[in-house]
């Protein structure tokens, strides 16, 4: 039995334990997790039906993806759906007796699909199983950690080569293009999110967009990026300075670095996730910059670049072995600048934090 089948069996047992008669998963990330088939169907229908009674996993895919799915998906049956077919009717032709509680992912089931499901199967009602799936995906296997490591290896090569190309007068957009070119050149399947390159006062926008602003001497330069490789993501942020830093720039940077290290130090199994957030946040608050740090300290990374667990001030769920998440504190001063330092940590079997990212964190002068 391969690990996809093992994951399916675990889900089946969870469905049985919770009185759920079946599941229809629509999230491409969850479908990949349970089958090994990675695809974005765009507007077309793709779904994984899990039937506890028969212990069958049936994958419905757009007809144009049938061959690709046949070579990758670990399922009992693959059903192609033509563009002129009604998706739920195609499901009904294969699974006629869907009734009672049917597990769905609320974030993936849009209203159109919901109407199609409930009208085609009037004896069925939907049940949220996001938490059941999330519990499985929270604990990363050794294979998953290896895949994340590879995505990190690629993005750190990109960071190392990319910052060597920075010159005063270059625009944020131009540097972004260079970085995304390097991602492909180093074997990435693509960026895991829209690359963030922000300079000077724009670095105070935690999720700002690169534009025509020119990188100039005296700027902080914030680069936040990641790649997808074989279905798994990386995510790293480093902040650099163009030319010699001022005392204030050095001070702000050092505070963020200490905050990052405090969050990593607090990361261990059994510690509530809010405790990790507070350990990191306290460093910034104690230095008087608390009002300039108004986002969570971290988020999970895996098949999706933002997934569970969420490391924020009100999440009292304890961290567990197998968790993989970011520690990314920042100080963002409107009209002046911003600094963020982001690493990925993995909680090992003994519950300690293993830092998967390795790019240096000393304040580095570039662009000269």
Protein backbone atom coordinates (compact mmCIF):
# COMPACT_ATOMS: atom_id res chain seq x y z
CA UNK A 1 0.00 0.00 0.00
CA UNK A 2 1.50 3.37 -1.02
CA UNK A 3 1.27 6.44 1.18
CA UNK A 4 -1.63 7.89 -0.82
CA UNK A 5 -3.69 4.79 -0.14
CA UNK A 6 -2.67 4.98 3.51
CA UNK A 7 -3.92 8.56 3.67
CA UNK A 8 -7.20 7.51 2.03
CA UNK A 9 -7.66 4.73 4.58
CA UNK A 10 -7.06 7.15 7.45
CA UNK A 11 -9.65 9.53 6.03
CA UNK A 12 -12.13 6.68 5.58
CA UNK A 13 -11.74 5.72 9.24
CA UNK A 14 -12.25 9.34 10.29
CA UNK A 15 -15.39 9.57 8.15
CA UNK A 16 -16.77 6.39 9.70
CA UNK A 17 -15.99 7.59 13.21
CA UNK A 18 -17.89 10.81 12.53
CA UNK A 19 -20.90 9.19 10.86
CA UNK A 20 -20.13 10.58 7.39
CA UNK A 21 -21.40 8.44 4.49
CA UNK A 22 -18.98 9.78 1.89
CA UNK A 23 -16.82 12.71 0.88
CA UNK A 24 -16.51 14.77 -2.26
CA UNK A 25 -13.25 16.71 -2.24
CA UNK A 26 -12.78 19.57 -4.70
CA UNK A 27 -9.61 21.27 -3.46
CA UNK A 28 -6.72 20.50 -5.87
CA UNK A 29 -4.35 20.53 -2.87
CA UNK A 30 -6.38 17.90 -1.02
CA UNK A 31 -6.82 15.82 -4.16
CA UNK A 32 -3.04 15.83 -4.60
CA UNK A 33 -2.54 14.91 -0.94
CA UNK A 34 -4.80 11.87 -1.23
CA UNK A 35 -4.03 10.71 -4.78
CA UNK A 36 -0.68 12.10 -5.98
CA UNK A 37 -2.35 13.80 -8.94
CA UNK A 38 -1.54 17.51 -9.08
CA UNK A 39 -3.63 19.62 -11.40
CA UNK A 40 -5.44 22.94 -11.60
CA UNK A 41 -8.76 22.33 -13.40
CA UNK A 42 -9.49 26.07 -13.62
CA UNK A 43 -13.22 26.43 -14.30
CA UNK A 44 -13.71 22.73 -15.04
CA UNK A 45 -14.86 20.18 -12.47
CA UNK A 46 -12.40 17.93 -10.67
CA UNK A 47 -13.42 15.96 -7.61
CA UNK A 48 -12.37 13.02 -5.47
CA UNK A 49 -15.17 10.85 -4.11
CA UNK A 50 -14.35 8.75 -1.05
CA UNK A 51 -16.91 6.08 -0.19
CA UNK A 52 -16.35 4.53 3.28
CA UNK A 53 -18.82 1.67 2.73
CA UNK A 54 -16.92 0.30 -0.27
CA UNK A 55 -13.57 1.87 0.69
CA UNK A 56 -13.32 3.19 -2.86
CA UNK A 57 -11.63 6.37 -4.07
CA UNK A 58 -12.98 7.65 -7.39
CA UNK A 59 -11.38 10.58 -9.17
CA UNK A 60 -13.43 12.70 -11.58
CA UNK A 61 -11.30 14.80 -13.93
CA UNK A 62 -11.80 16.95 -17.03
CA UNK A 63 -11.50 14.69 -20.07
CA UNK A 64 -8.42 16.56 -21.25
CA UNK A 65 -6.63 15.55 -18.01
CA UNK A 66 -7.61 11.88 -18.15
CA UNK A 67 -4.31 10.60 -19.51
CA UNK A 68 -2.24 12.64 -17.05
CA UNK A 69 -4.36 11.44 -14.13
CA UNK A 70 -4.10 7.83 -15.27
CA UNK A 71 -0.35 8.03 -14.97
CA UNK A 72 -0.30 9.65 -11.54
CA UNK A 73 -3.40 9.10 -9.42
CA UNK A 74 -3.50 6.34 -6.82
CA UNK A 75 -7.26 5.67 -6.95
CA UNK A 76 -9.63 2.81 -7.70
CA UNK A 77 -11.24 4.49 -10.69
CA UNK A 78 -10.79 7.59 -12.87
CA UNK A 79 -13.81 9.06 -14.62
CA UNK A 80 -13.30 11.64 -17.39
CA UNK A 81 -15.92 14.37 -17.70
CA UNK A 82 -16.51 15.97 -21.10
CA UNK A 83 -17.04 19.70 -21.40
CA UNK A 84 -20.66 19.19 -22.46
CA UNK A 85 -21.52 17.00 -19.45
CA UNK A 86 -23.08 18.19 -16.21
CA UNK A 87 -20.48 17.29 -13.56
CA UNK A 88 -22.89 16.08 -10.88
CA UNK A 89 -24.77 13.95 -13.37
CA UNK A 90 -21.47 12.31 -14.24
CA UNK A 91 -20.91 11.67 -10.53
CA UNK A 92 -24.41 10.22 -10.19
CA UNK A 93 -23.84 7.77 -13.04
CA UNK A 94 -21.03 6.22 -11.02
CA UNK A 95 -22.24 6.76 -7.44
CA UNK A 96 -26.00 6.51 -7.40
CA UNK A 97 -26.71 6.21 -3.70
CA UNK A 98 -25.17 9.26 -2.08
CA UNK A 99 -27.31 10.00 0.94
CA UNK A 100 -27.08 11.37 4.44
CA UNK A 101 -24.04 13.37 5.56
CA UNK A 102 -21.54 13.96 2.73
CA UNK A 103 -18.22 15.51 3.67
CA UNK A 104 -17.19 18.66 1.83
CA UNK A 105 -14.57 21.43 2.11
CA UNK A 106 -16.45 24.72 2.63
CA UNK A 107 -13.58 26.75 1.17
CA UNK A 108 -13.64 24.73 -2.06
CA UNK A 109 -17.37 24.13 -2.60
CA UNK A 110 -18.81 27.19 -4.33
CA UNK A 111 -22.53 27.89 -4.50
CA UNK A 112 -22.93 26.55 -8.04
CA UNK A 113 -21.35 23.21 -7.08
CA UNK A 114 -23.40 23.12 -3.87
CA UNK A 115 -26.68 23.54 -5.79
CA UNK A 116 -25.61 20.89 -8.27
CA UNK A 117 -24.71 18.45 -5.49
CA UNK A 118 -27.84 18.89 -3.39
CA UNK A 119 -30.24 18.91 -6.35
CA UNK A 120 -28.66 15.80 -7.89
CA UNK A 121 -28.56 13.98 -4.55
CA UNK A 122 -31.66 15.24 -2.68
CA UNK A 123 -31.20 12.67 0.09
CA UNK A 124 -27.74 14.00 0.90
CA UNK A 125 -26.72 16.83 3.20
CA UNK A 126 -23.32 18.44 3.39
CA UNK A 127 -21.00 18.23 6.37
CA UNK A 128 -17.82 20.19 6.95
CA UNK A 129 -14.82 17.82 7.10
CA UNK A 130 -12.13 20.48 6.70
CA UNK A 131 -10.92 19.80 10.24
CA UNK A 132 -10.61 16.04 9.65
CA UNK A 133 -8.48 16.65 6.57
CA UNK A 134 -6.52 19.40 8.26
CA UNK A 135 -5.49 17.12 11.13
CA UNK A 136 -3.99 14.69 8.66
CA UNK A 137 -2.16 17.33 6.67
CA UNK A 138 -0.77 19.05 9.79
CA UNK A 139 1.72 16.27 10.42
CA UNK A 140 4.21 16.20 7.58
CA UNK A 141 5.81 12.87 6.67
CA UNK A 142 9.52 12.47 6.06
CA UNK A 143 8.82 12.47 2.29
CA UNK A 144 6.90 15.72 2.57
CA UNK A 145 9.68 17.37 4.57
CA UNK A 146 12.18 16.26 1.93
CA UNK A 147 10.01 17.84 -0.77
CA UNK A 148 9.79 21.10 1.18
CA UNK A 149 13.56 21.05 1.66
CA UNK A 150 14.03 20.80 -2.10
CA UNK A 151 11.72 23.77 -2.69
CA UNK A 152 13.74 25.69 -0.08
CA UNK A 153 17.04 24.69 -1.69
CA UNK A 154 15.86 26.15 -4.99
CA UNK A 155 14.58 29.42 -3.55
CA UNK A 156 17.77 29.98 -1.59
CA UNK A 157 19.81 29.56 -4.76
CA UNK A 158 17.51 32.11 -6.39
CA UNK A 159 17.96 34.52 -3.49
CA UNK A 160 21.74 34.16 -3.56
CA UNK A 161 22.02 34.75 -7.30
CA UNK A 162 19.24 37.32 -7.49
CA UNK A 163 20.63 39.81 -4.99
CA UNK A 164 23.90 39.88 -6.93
CA UNK A 165 21.97 41.43 -9.80
CA UNK A 166 20.67 44.36 -7.74
CA UNK A 167 21.92 47.77 -8.85
CA UNK A 168 20.72 51.24 -7.85
CA UNK A 169 18.32 52.46 -10.53
CA UNK A 170 16.85 48.99 -11.14
CA UNK A 171 13.09 48.90 -10.59
CA UNK A 172 11.30 46.51 -8.26
CA UNK A 173 9.51 45.01 -11.24
CA UNK A 174 12.79 44.39 -13.08
CA UNK A 175 14.27 42.58 -10.09
CA UNK A 176 11.08 40.53 -9.73
CA UNK A 177 11.43 39.39 -13.35
CA UNK A 178 15.04 38.38 -12.76
CA UNK A 179 14.09 36.37 -9.67
CA UNK A 180 11.23 34.53 -11.36
CA UNK A 181 13.47 33.73 -14.33
CA UNK A 182 16.02 32.22 -11.93
CA UNK A 183 13.28 30.13 -10.30
CA UNK A 184 12.63 28.35 -13.57
CA UNK A 185 16.33 28.08 -14.39
CA UNK A 186 16.94 26.29 -11.09
CA UNK A 187 14.16 23.76 -11.71
CA UNK A 188 11.13 25.21 -9.96
CA UNK A 189 7.69 24.41 -11.33
CA UNK A 190 6.80 28.04 -10.69
CA UNK A 191 6.52 30.62 -7.91
CA UNK A 192 4.43 29.53 -4.92
CA UNK A 193 2.90 33.02 -4.73
CA UNK A 194 3.36 36.40 -6.38
CA UNK A 195 6.94 37.44 -5.68
CA UNK A 196 7.23 40.47 -3.37
CA UNK A 197 10.08 42.91 -4.01
CA UNK A 198 9.69 46.21 -2.15
CA UNK A 199 12.16 49.02 -1.59
CA UNK A 200 12.38 52.06 0.65
CA UNK A 201 9.07 53.30 2.02
CA UNK A 202 7.20 50.61 0.03
CA UNK A 203 8.77 47.93 2.23
CA UNK A 204 6.37 49.15 4.94
CA UNK A 205 3.58 47.40 2.98
CA UNK A 206 3.76 43.78 4.22
CA UNK A 207 2.16 42.41 1.03
CA UNK A 208 2.78 45.27 -1.39
CA UNK A 209 3.24 44.78 -5.12
CA UNK A 210 6.49 45.37 -7.00
CA UNK A 211 6.29 48.30 -9.37
CA UNK A 212 8.20 51.02 -11.13
CA UNK A 213 9.87 52.40 -8.01
CA UNK A 214 13.62 52.47 -8.50
CA UNK A 215 15.88 50.87 -5.93
CA UNK A 216 18.12 53.60 -4.56
CA UNK A 217 21.02 54.02 -2.14
CA UNK A 218 19.86 54.07 1.48
CA UNK A 219 16.85 51.79 0.86
CA UNK A 220 15.87 48.72 2.72
CA UNK A 221 15.06 46.06 0.09
CA UNK A 222 12.57 43.40 1.18
CA UNK A 223 12.33 40.21 -0.89
CA UNK A 224 9.63 37.65 -0.03
CA UNK A 225 9.33 34.71 -2.43
CA UNK A 226 8.96 30.97 -2.80
CA UNK A 227 8.64 28.22 -5.35
CA UNK A 228 6.60 25.10 -5.98
CA UNK A 229 8.54 21.93 -6.74
CA UNK A 230 6.79 18.58 -7.21
CA UNK A 231 3.71 19.83 -5.39
CA UNK A 232 5.39 21.35 -2.33
CA UNK A 233 6.14 24.98 -1.52
CA UNK A 234 8.82 27.15 -0.03
CA UNK A 235 8.54 30.66 1.40
CA UNK A 236 11.39 32.88 2.59
CA UNK A 237 11.87 36.57 3.30
CA UNK A 238 15.10 38.48 3.73
CA UNK A 239 15.64 42.21 4.00
CA UNK A 240 18.77 43.87 2.66
CA UNK A 241 20.15 47.39 2.60
CA UNK A 242 21.43 49.33 -0.41
CA UNK A 243 24.66 50.92 0.73
CA UNK A 244 25.75 51.49 4.32
CA UNK A 245 22.92 51.21 6.86
CA UNK A 246 22.13 54.04 9.25
CA UNK A 247 22.13 53.38 12.99
CA UNK A 248 18.32 53.36 12.96
CA UNK A 249 18.21 50.84 10.12
CA UNK A 250 20.69 48.61 11.94
CA UNK A 251 18.68 48.88 15.16
CA UNK A 252 15.34 48.02 13.53
CA UNK A 253 16.89 45.13 11.65
CA UNK A 254 18.50 43.69 14.79
CA UNK A 255 15.19 43.88 16.68
CA UNK A 256 13.42 41.90 13.94
CA UNK A 257 16.22 39.36 13.85
CA UNK A 258 16.02 38.84 17.61
CA UNK A 259 12.24 38.50 17.30
CA UNK A 260 12.68 35.87 14.58
CA UNK A 261 15.15 33.94 16.74
CA UNK A 262 12.88 34.17 19.80
CA UNK A 263 10.01 32.67 17.80
CA UNK A 264 12.23 29.83 16.60
CA UNK A 265 13.47 29.21 20.15
CA UNK A 266 9.87 29.00 21.42
CA UNK A 267 8.85 26.57 18.68
CA UNK A 268 8.53 23.10 20.15
CA UNK A 269 5.85 20.47 20.51
CA UNK A 270 3.35 21.09 23.27
CA UNK A 271 3.70 24.86 23.23
CA UNK A 272 0.45 26.58 22.27
CA UNK A 273 0.84 28.30 18.90
CA UNK A 274 -0.15 31.58 20.56
CA UNK A 275 2.87 31.17 22.84
CA UNK A 276 5.18 31.05 19.84
CA UNK A 277 3.55 34.21 18.50
CA UNK A 278 3.86 36.00 21.84
CA UNK A 279 7.52 35.03 22.32
CA UNK A 280 8.39 36.57 18.97
CA UNK A 281 6.09 39.57 19.36
CA UNK A 282 7.35 40.45 22.85
CA UNK A 283 10.81 41.31 21.51
CA UNK A 284 9.34 43.92 19.17
CA UNK A 285 6.87 45.25 21.74
CA UNK A 286 9.56 45.61 24.42
CA UNK A 287 11.56 47.80 22.02
CA UNK A 288 8.56 50.10 21.46
CA UNK A 289 7.68 48.98 17.94
CA UNK A 290 4.64 46.84 18.77
CA UNK A 291 2.22 49.07 16.88
CA UNK A 292 4.27 48.51 13.73
CA UNK A 293 3.82 44.72 13.82
CA UNK A 294 0.16 43.90 13.29
CA UNK A 295 0.10 40.49 11.58
CA UNK A 296 0.51 36.91 12.78
CA UNK A 297 3.99 35.52 13.34
CA UNK A 298 3.63 32.55 11.01
CA UNK A 299 1.65 30.08 8.94
CA UNK A 300 1.94 26.48 7.82
CA UNK A 301 3.74 25.56 4.61
CA UNK A 302 3.35 22.39 2.56
CA UNK A 303 1.26 21.64 -0.50
CA UNK A 304 -0.09 25.17 -0.11
CA UNK A 305 2.14 28.09 0.75
CA UNK A 306 -0.40 29.23 3.36
CA UNK A 307 -1.98 26.34 5.25
CA UNK A 308 -2.49 25.18 8.83
CA UNK A 309 -1.28 25.75 11.46
CA UNK A 310 -1.79 29.49 11.86
CA UNK A 311 0.65 30.90 14.39
CA UNK A 312 -1.29 33.82 15.86
CA UNK A 313 -2.08 35.36 19.22
CA UNK A 314 -5.38 33.55 19.80
CA UNK A 315 -4.54 30.06 18.53
CA UNK A 316 -4.29 27.95 21.68
CA UNK A 317 -3.83 24.65 19.82
CA UNK A 318 -0.52 23.06 20.85
CA UNK A 319 2.20 22.68 18.24
CA UNK A 320 2.83 19.04 17.35
CA UNK A 321 5.66 16.94 15.90
CA UNK A 322 5.41 17.03 12.13
CA UNK A 323 4.22 20.63 11.98
CA UNK A 324 5.97 22.84 9.41
CA UNK A 325 5.43 26.58 9.71
CA UNK A 326 7.05 29.97 9.21
CA UNK A 327 8.41 32.41 11.76
CA UNK A 328 8.24 35.82 10.08
CA UNK A 329 8.08 38.83 12.38
CA UNK A 330 8.41 42.30 10.94
CA UNK A 331 8.43 46.01 11.68
CA UNK A 332 6.56 48.16 9.14
CA UNK A 333 6.77 51.92 9.63
CA UNK A 334 4.47 53.79 7.19
CA UNK A 335 6.27 56.27 5.00
CA UNK A 336 9.69 55.06 6.13
CA UNK A 337 10.52 51.38 5.62
CA UNK A 338 9.84 47.80 6.61
CA UNK A 339 11.89 44.80 7.68
CA UNK A 340 10.80 41.15 7.70
CA UNK A 341 12.87 38.02 8.29
CA UNK A 342 11.16 34.71 7.55
CA UNK A 343 12.32 31.16 8.19
CA UNK A 344 10.59 27.78 7.96
CA UNK A 345 10.75 25.44 10.94
CA UNK A 346 9.89 21.76 11.22
CA UNK A 347 9.02 20.16 14.54
CA UNK A 348 10.84 16.84 14.61
CA UNK A 349 9.67 13.58 16.20
CA UNK A 350 11.27 14.61 19.49
CA UNK A 351 9.35 17.88 19.36
CA UNK A 352 12.24 20.26 18.74
CA UNK A 353 12.45 22.91 16.03
CA UNK A 354 14.58 22.16 13.01
CA UNK A 355 15.14 25.26 10.91
CA UNK A 356 14.80 24.22 7.26
CA UNK A 357 15.87 27.56 5.78
CA UNK A 358 19.56 28.39 5.92
CA UNK A 359 20.04 31.68 4.07
CA UNK A 360 22.20 34.01 6.23
CA UNK A 361 20.41 36.54 8.43
CA UNK A 362 23.17 39.12 8.97
CA UNK A 363 22.17 42.50 7.54
CA UNK A 364 23.72 42.37 4.11
CA UNK A 365 24.76 45.37 2.05
CA UNK A 366 23.99 44.89 -1.64
CA UNK A 367 23.82 46.92 -4.84
CA UNK A 368 27.29 48.41 -4.71
